[in-house]
Amino acid sequence: MIAGKWILLWLFLCPSFSGNSIVQKQYCHIYGTFYIVDDPKDADYRVYEEESEGSADVWVYETDDKLFADRPGLWYFTETKAFADYYVYFDKQKHLADFSICFIDTESFAGCND
């Protein structure tokens, strides 16, 4: 009983260990090769595509070569599942997604929308 109270107190005082904030920290740092899956259960991340840059969590620049997807926000999409660093599912409902993205045309702006 006492141990349970300590665990609850620890979780309350350390909100940075909640699952949502861990995903938040991760999405700002992902880059590389991505494969789009059809089933959200197979995805590393569920993303929602925003039409407006201001509403997106991450600005993504889609590279033409996986070698250039070498910093946050630079994504290369592959059609070969085995070559992917991450599996993503594009969700149609924003509230179900881990984070939102907006595809941009300028590579230098790619990354987190701080």
N, C-alpha and C. Protein backbone atom coordinates (compact mmCIF):
# COMPACT_ATOMS: atom_id res chain seq x y z
N MET A 1 0.83 -1.21 0.00
CA MET A 1 0.00 0.00 0.00
C MET A 1 0.86 1.26 0.00
N ILE A 2 1.86 1.28 0.89
CA ILE A 2 2.73 2.45 0.96
C ILE A 2 3.56 2.58 -0.32
N ALA A 3 4.03 1.44 -0.85
CA ALA A 3 4.82 1.46 -2.09
C ALA A 3 4.00 2.03 -3.24
N GLY A 4 2.73 1.69 -3.30
CA GLY A 4 1.85 2.22 -4.34
C GLY A 4 1.72 3.73 -4.27
N LYS A 5 1.65 4.26 -3.05
CA LYS A 5 1.57 5.72 -2.88
C LYS A 5 2.85 6.39 -3.32
N TRP A 6 3.99 5.78 -3.03
CA TRP A 6 5.28 6.34 -3.45
C TRP A 6 5.40 6.36 -4.98
N ILE A 7 4.92 5.31 -5.60
CA ILE A 7 4.97 5.26 -7.07
C ILE A 7 4.09 6.34 -7.68
N LEU A 8 2.89 6.51 -7.15
CA LEU A 8 2.01 7.57 -7.63
C LEU A 8 2.61 8.95 -7.41
N LEU A 9 3.21 9.16 -6.24
CA LEU A 9 3.85 10.43 -5.95
C LEU A 9 5.01 10.68 -6.91
N TRP A 10 5.80 9.65 -7.18
CA TRP A 10 6.93 9.77 -8.10
C TRP A 10 6.45 10.11 -9.50
N LEU A 11 5.39 9.45 -9.97
CA LEU A 11 4.85 9.74 -11.30
C LEU A 11 4.29 11.15 -11.38
N PHE A 12 3.70 11.61 -10.28
CA PHE A 12 3.15 12.96 -10.26
C PHE A 12 4.26 14.01 -10.30
N LEU A 13 5.34 13.76 -9.56
CA LEU A 13 6.44 14.73 -9.47
C LEU A 13 7.38 14.66 -10.67
N CYS A 14 7.34 13.57 -11.44
CA CYS A 14 8.22 13.40 -12.59
C CYS A 14 7.41 13.21 -13.86
N PRO A 15 6.69 14.23 -14.29
CA PRO A 15 5.83 14.07 -15.46
C PRO A 15 6.60 13.81 -16.75
N SER A 16 7.90 14.07 -16.76
CA SER A 16 8.67 13.87 -17.99
C SER A 16 8.79 12.40 -18.35
N PHE A 17 8.43 11.50 -17.45
CA PHE A 17 8.50 10.08 -17.74
C PHE A 17 7.19 9.52 -18.27
N SER A 18 6.22 10.37 -18.51
CA SER A 18 4.97 9.87 -19.07
C SER A 18 5.19 9.52 -20.54
N GLY A 19 4.42 8.59 -21.07
CA GLY A 19 4.60 8.12 -22.43
C GLY A 19 4.50 9.21 -23.48
N ASN A 20 3.60 10.15 -23.29
CA ASN A 20 3.38 11.20 -24.27
C ASN A 20 4.61 12.08 -24.43
N SER A 21 5.27 12.44 -23.34
CA SER A 21 6.44 13.31 -23.45
C SER A 21 7.62 12.58 -24.06
N ILE A 22 7.70 11.26 -23.87
CA ILE A 22 8.78 10.50 -24.49
C ILE A 22 8.61 10.52 -26.00
N VAL A 23 7.41 10.32 -26.49
CA VAL A 23 7.16 10.39 -27.93
C VAL A 23 7.46 11.80 -28.42
N GLN A 24 7.09 12.82 -27.65
CA GLN A 24 7.32 14.20 -28.04
C GLN A 24 8.80 14.45 -28.24
N LYS A 25 9.63 13.97 -27.37
CA LYS A 25 11.06 14.16 -27.50
C LYS A 25 11.60 13.39 -28.70
N GLN A 26 11.06 12.24 -28.98
CA GLN A 26 11.57 11.42 -30.07
C GLN A 26 11.25 12.01 -31.42
N TYR A 27 10.08 12.53 -31.63
CA TYR A 27 9.71 12.96 -32.97
C TYR A 27 10.53 14.14 -33.43
N CYS A 28 11.09 14.89 -32.54
CA CYS A 28 11.94 16.01 -32.94
C CYS A 28 13.30 15.55 -33.46
N HIS A 29 13.64 14.31 -33.24
CA HIS A 29 14.97 13.83 -33.58
C HIS A 29 14.99 12.75 -34.65
N ILE A 30 13.85 12.41 -35.21
CA ILE A 30 13.86 11.31 -36.18
C ILE A 30 14.13 11.81 -37.60
N TYR A 31 14.86 10.98 -38.30
CA TYR A 31 15.18 11.23 -39.70
C TYR A 31 15.62 9.90 -40.29
N GLY A 32 15.75 9.85 -41.58
CA GLY A 32 16.19 8.62 -42.22
C GLY A 32 15.18 8.10 -43.21
N THR A 33 15.11 6.77 -43.27
CA THR A 33 14.28 6.09 -44.26
C THR A 33 12.98 5.62 -43.62
N PHE A 34 11.87 5.91 -44.29
CA PHE A 34 10.54 5.62 -43.77
C PHE A 34 9.77 4.73 -44.74
N TYR A 35 9.00 3.83 -44.15
CA TYR A 35 8.12 2.96 -44.91
C TYR A 35 6.71 3.19 -44.41
N ILE A 36 5.77 3.40 -45.31
CA ILE A 36 4.38 3.65 -44.93
C ILE A 36 3.65 2.31 -44.82
N VAL A 37 3.08 2.06 -43.64
CA VAL A 37 2.34 0.82 -43.40
C VAL A 37 0.84 1.10 -43.48
N ASP A 38 0.08 0.04 -43.72
CA ASP A 38 -1.37 0.15 -43.83
C ASP A 38 -2.10 -0.10 -42.53
N ASP A 39 -1.41 -0.69 -41.56
CA ASP A 39 -2.01 -1.03 -40.28
C ASP A 39 -1.30 -0.26 -39.17
N PRO A 40 -2.02 0.52 -38.37
CA PRO A 40 -1.36 1.30 -37.32
C PRO A 40 -0.62 0.45 -36.29
N LYS A 41 -1.02 -0.81 -36.15
CA LYS A 41 -0.33 -1.70 -35.20
C LYS A 41 1.09 -2.03 -35.64
N ASP A 42 1.37 -1.87 -36.93
CA ASP A 42 2.70 -2.17 -37.46
C ASP A 42 3.62 -0.95 -37.45
N ALA A 43 3.10 0.20 -37.05
CA ALA A 43 3.86 1.45 -37.16
C ALA A 43 4.67 1.74 -35.91
N ASP A 44 5.83 2.35 -36.13
CA ASP A 44 6.60 2.92 -35.02
C ASP A 44 5.96 4.23 -34.58
N TYR A 45 5.44 4.97 -35.55
CA TYR A 45 4.78 6.24 -35.28
C TYR A 45 3.52 6.36 -36.11
N ARG A 46 2.50 6.93 -35.48
CA ARG A 46 1.28 7.31 -36.19
C ARG A 46 1.37 8.81 -36.38
N VAL A 47 1.31 9.26 -37.64
CA VAL A 47 1.45 10.68 -37.93
C VAL A 47 0.20 11.20 -38.63
N TYR A 48 -0.02 12.47 -38.42
CA TYR A 48 -1.12 13.16 -39.07
C TYR A 48 -0.51 14.24 -39.95
N GLU A 49 -0.93 14.29 -41.20
CA GLU A 49 -0.39 15.29 -42.13
C GLU A 49 -1.24 16.55 -42.08
N GLU A 50 -0.61 17.63 -41.64
CA GLU A 50 -1.25 18.95 -41.59
C GLU A 50 -1.09 19.63 -42.94
N GLU A 51 -2.03 20.49 -43.26
CA GLU A 51 -1.91 21.28 -44.48
C GLU A 51 -1.19 22.59 -44.21
N SER A 52 -1.19 23.02 -42.96
CA SER A 52 -0.58 24.28 -42.57
C SER A 52 0.70 24.03 -41.79
N GLU A 53 1.76 24.73 -42.12
CA GLU A 53 3.03 24.58 -41.42
C GLU A 53 2.92 24.98 -39.95
N GLY A 54 2.11 25.99 -39.68
CA GLY A 54 1.99 26.49 -38.32
C GLY A 54 1.36 25.51 -37.35
N SER A 55 0.56 24.59 -37.86
CA SER A 55 -0.13 23.63 -37.01
C SER A 55 0.66 22.34 -36.80
N ALA A 56 1.70 22.11 -37.57
CA ALA A 56 2.44 20.85 -37.51
C ALA A 56 3.49 20.86 -36.40
N ASP A 57 3.73 19.68 -35.84
CA ASP A 57 4.79 19.51 -34.85
C ASP A 57 6.16 19.46 -35.51
N VAL A 58 6.21 18.84 -36.69
CA VAL A 58 7.48 18.67 -37.40
C VAL A 58 7.29 19.09 -38.85
N TRP A 59 8.26 19.82 -39.35
CA TRP A 59 8.31 20.17 -40.76
C TRP A 59 9.20 19.16 -41.45
N VAL A 60 8.65 18.45 -42.42
CA VAL A 60 9.37 17.36 -43.08
C VAL A 60 9.71 17.76 -44.51
N TYR A 61 10.98 17.57 -44.83
CA TYR A 61 11.43 17.74 -46.21
C TYR A 61 11.72 16.35 -46.75
N GLU A 62 11.04 15.98 -47.82
CA GLU A 62 11.21 14.65 -48.42
C GLU A 62 12.40 14.68 -49.37
N THR A 63 13.43 13.90 -49.04
CA THR A 63 14.63 13.85 -49.87
C THR A 63 14.47 12.83 -50.99
N ASP A 64 15.25 13.00 -52.03
CA ASP A 64 15.22 12.09 -53.17
C ASP A 64 16.20 10.92 -53.00
N ASP A 65 17.07 11.01 -52.01
CA ASP A 65 18.10 10.00 -51.78
C ASP A 65 18.22 9.76 -50.29
N LYS A 66 18.26 8.50 -49.89
CA LYS A 66 18.31 8.18 -48.45
C LYS A 66 19.59 8.67 -47.79
N LEU A 67 20.64 8.87 -48.55
CA LEU A 67 21.89 9.37 -47.99
C LEU A 67 21.77 10.82 -47.51
N PHE A 68 20.82 11.56 -48.07
CA PHE A 68 20.62 12.95 -47.67
C PHE A 68 19.64 13.11 -46.52
N ALA A 69 19.03 12.03 -46.09
CA ALA A 69 18.11 12.08 -44.94
C ALA A 69 18.93 11.87 -43.67
N ASP A 70 19.76 12.87 -43.37
CA ASP A 70 20.77 12.70 -42.32
C ASP A 70 20.65 13.67 -41.15
N ARG A 71 19.52 14.34 -41.03
CA ARG A 71 19.28 15.19 -39.86
C ARG A 71 17.76 15.31 -39.64
N PRO A 72 17.36 15.72 -38.44
CA PRO A 72 15.94 15.77 -38.11
C PRO A 72 15.10 16.53 -39.14
N GLY A 73 13.98 15.91 -39.50
CA GLY A 73 13.06 16.50 -40.46
C GLY A 73 13.31 16.11 -41.90
N LEU A 74 14.44 15.45 -42.16
CA LEU A 74 14.74 14.99 -43.52
C LEU A 74 14.34 13.53 -43.61
N TRP A 75 13.34 13.25 -44.42
CA TRP A 75 12.79 11.90 -44.55
C TRP A 75 12.91 11.41 -45.98
N TYR A 76 13.26 10.15 -46.11
CA TYR A 76 13.26 9.48 -47.41
C TYR A 76 12.28 8.33 -47.32
N PHE A 77 11.35 8.23 -48.26
CA PHE A 77 10.37 7.16 -48.24
C PHE A 77 10.80 6.05 -49.19
N THR A 78 10.77 4.83 -48.67
CA THR A 78 11.14 3.66 -49.44
C THR A 78 9.92 2.77 -49.65
N GLU A 79 9.93 2.02 -50.71
CA GLU A 79 8.87 1.05 -50.96
C GLU A 79 9.28 -0.35 -50.51
N THR A 80 10.48 -0.46 -49.95
CA THR A 80 10.99 -1.74 -49.46
C THR A 80 11.04 -1.70 -47.94
N LYS A 81 10.20 -2.48 -47.32
CA LYS A 81 10.06 -2.47 -45.86
C LYS A 81 11.38 -2.78 -45.15
N ALA A 82 12.16 -3.67 -45.69
CA ALA A 82 13.41 -4.08 -45.05
C ALA A 82 14.45 -2.96 -45.00
N PHE A 83 14.32 -1.96 -45.86
CA PHE A 83 15.30 -0.87 -45.90
C PHE A 83 14.94 0.30 -45.00
N ALA A 84 13.81 0.23 -44.35
CA ALA A 84 13.31 1.37 -43.56
C ALA A 84 13.92 1.41 -42.16
N ASP A 85 14.16 2.63 -41.69
CA ASP A 85 14.55 2.87 -40.30
C ASP A 85 13.31 2.92 -39.41
N TYR A 86 12.22 3.46 -39.98
CA TYR A 86 10.97 3.62 -39.24
C TYR A 86 9.79 3.23 -40.11
N TYR A 87 8.75 2.72 -39.44
CA TYR A 87 7.48 2.44 -40.10
C TYR A 87 6.49 3.49 -39.61
N VAL A 88 5.81 4.14 -40.54
CA VAL A 88 4.84 5.17 -40.17
C VAL A 88 3.47 4.84 -40.75
N TYR A 89 2.48 5.24 -40.01
CA TYR A 89 1.09 5.11 -40.45
C TYR A 89 0.51 6.52 -40.50
N PHE A 90 -0.05 6.89 -41.63
CA PHE A 90 -0.68 8.21 -41.76
C PHE A 90 -2.12 8.09 -41.31
N ASP A 91 -2.39 8.69 -40.17
CA ASP A 91 -3.72 8.63 -39.56
C ASP A 91 -4.58 9.76 -40.10
N LYS A 92 -5.85 9.48 -40.30
CA LYS A 92 -6.79 10.49 -40.79
C LYS A 92 -7.38 11.31 -39.65
N GLN A 93 -7.16 10.86 -38.42
CA GLN A 93 -7.69 11.56 -37.25
C GLN A 93 -6.51 12.05 -36.41
N LYS A 94 -6.42 13.35 -36.26
CA LYS A 94 -5.27 13.95 -35.58
C LYS A 94 -5.12 13.49 -34.14
N HIS A 95 -6.22 13.31 -33.44
CA HIS A 95 -6.14 12.94 -32.03
C HIS A 95 -5.59 11.53 -31.80
N LEU A 96 -5.55 10.71 -32.84
CA LEU A 96 -4.99 9.37 -32.71
C LEU A 96 -3.50 9.31 -33.06
N ALA A 97 -2.99 10.37 -33.65
CA ALA A 97 -1.60 10.40 -34.08
C ALA A 97 -0.66 10.73 -32.93
N ASP A 98 0.58 10.25 -33.06
CA ASP A 98 1.62 10.58 -32.07
C ASP A 98 2.09 12.02 -32.25
N PHE A 99 2.14 12.46 -33.49
CA PHE A 99 2.52 13.83 -33.79
C PHE A 99 2.06 14.18 -35.20
N SER A 100 2.11 15.46 -35.54
CA SER A 100 1.68 15.90 -36.86
C SER A 100 2.87 16.43 -37.64
N ILE A 101 2.78 16.30 -38.97
CA ILE A 101 3.84 16.77 -39.84
C ILE A 101 3.25 17.64 -40.95
N CYS A 102 4.10 18.42 -41.55
CA CYS A 102 3.74 19.18 -42.74
C CYS A 102 4.92 19.06 -43.69
N PHE A 103 4.65 18.67 -44.91
CA PHE A 103 5.71 18.58 -45.91
C PHE A 103 6.03 19.99 -46.40
N ILE A 104 7.32 20.29 -46.45
CA ILE A 104 7.77 21.62 -46.87
C ILE A 104 8.66 21.51 -48.09
N ASP A 105 8.87 22.64 -48.76
CA ASP A 105 9.67 22.67 -49.98
C ASP A 105 11.11 23.14 -49.77
N THR A 106 11.42 23.62 -48.56
CA THR A 106 12.75 24.15 -48.28
C THR A 106 13.46 23.27 -47.25
N GLU A 107 14.54 22.65 -47.65
CA GLU A 107 15.25 21.70 -46.79
C GLU A 107 15.76 22.34 -45.50
N SER A 108 16.22 23.57 -45.58
CA SER A 108 16.83 24.21 -44.40
C SER A 108 15.83 24.47 -43.26
N PHE A 109 14.53 24.44 -43.54
CA PHE A 109 13.52 24.65 -42.51
C PHE A 109 13.05 23.35 -41.86
N ALA A 110 13.54 22.21 -42.31
CA ALA A 110 13.08 20.92 -41.79
C ALA A 110 13.45 20.77 -40.31
N GLY A 111 12.56 20.12 -39.58
CA GLY A 111 12.79 19.85 -38.16
C GLY A 111 11.58 20.22 -37.33
N CYS A 112 11.79 20.31 -36.03
CA CYS A 112 10.70 20.62 -35.10
C CYS A 112 10.21 22.05 -35.28
N ASN A 113 8.91 22.20 -35.14
CA ASN A 113 8.28 23.51 -35.18
C ASN A 113 8.25 24.03 -33.76
N ASP A 114 9.32 24.70 -33.36
CA ASP A 114 9.42 25.19 -31.98
C ASP A 114 8.62 26.41 -31.75
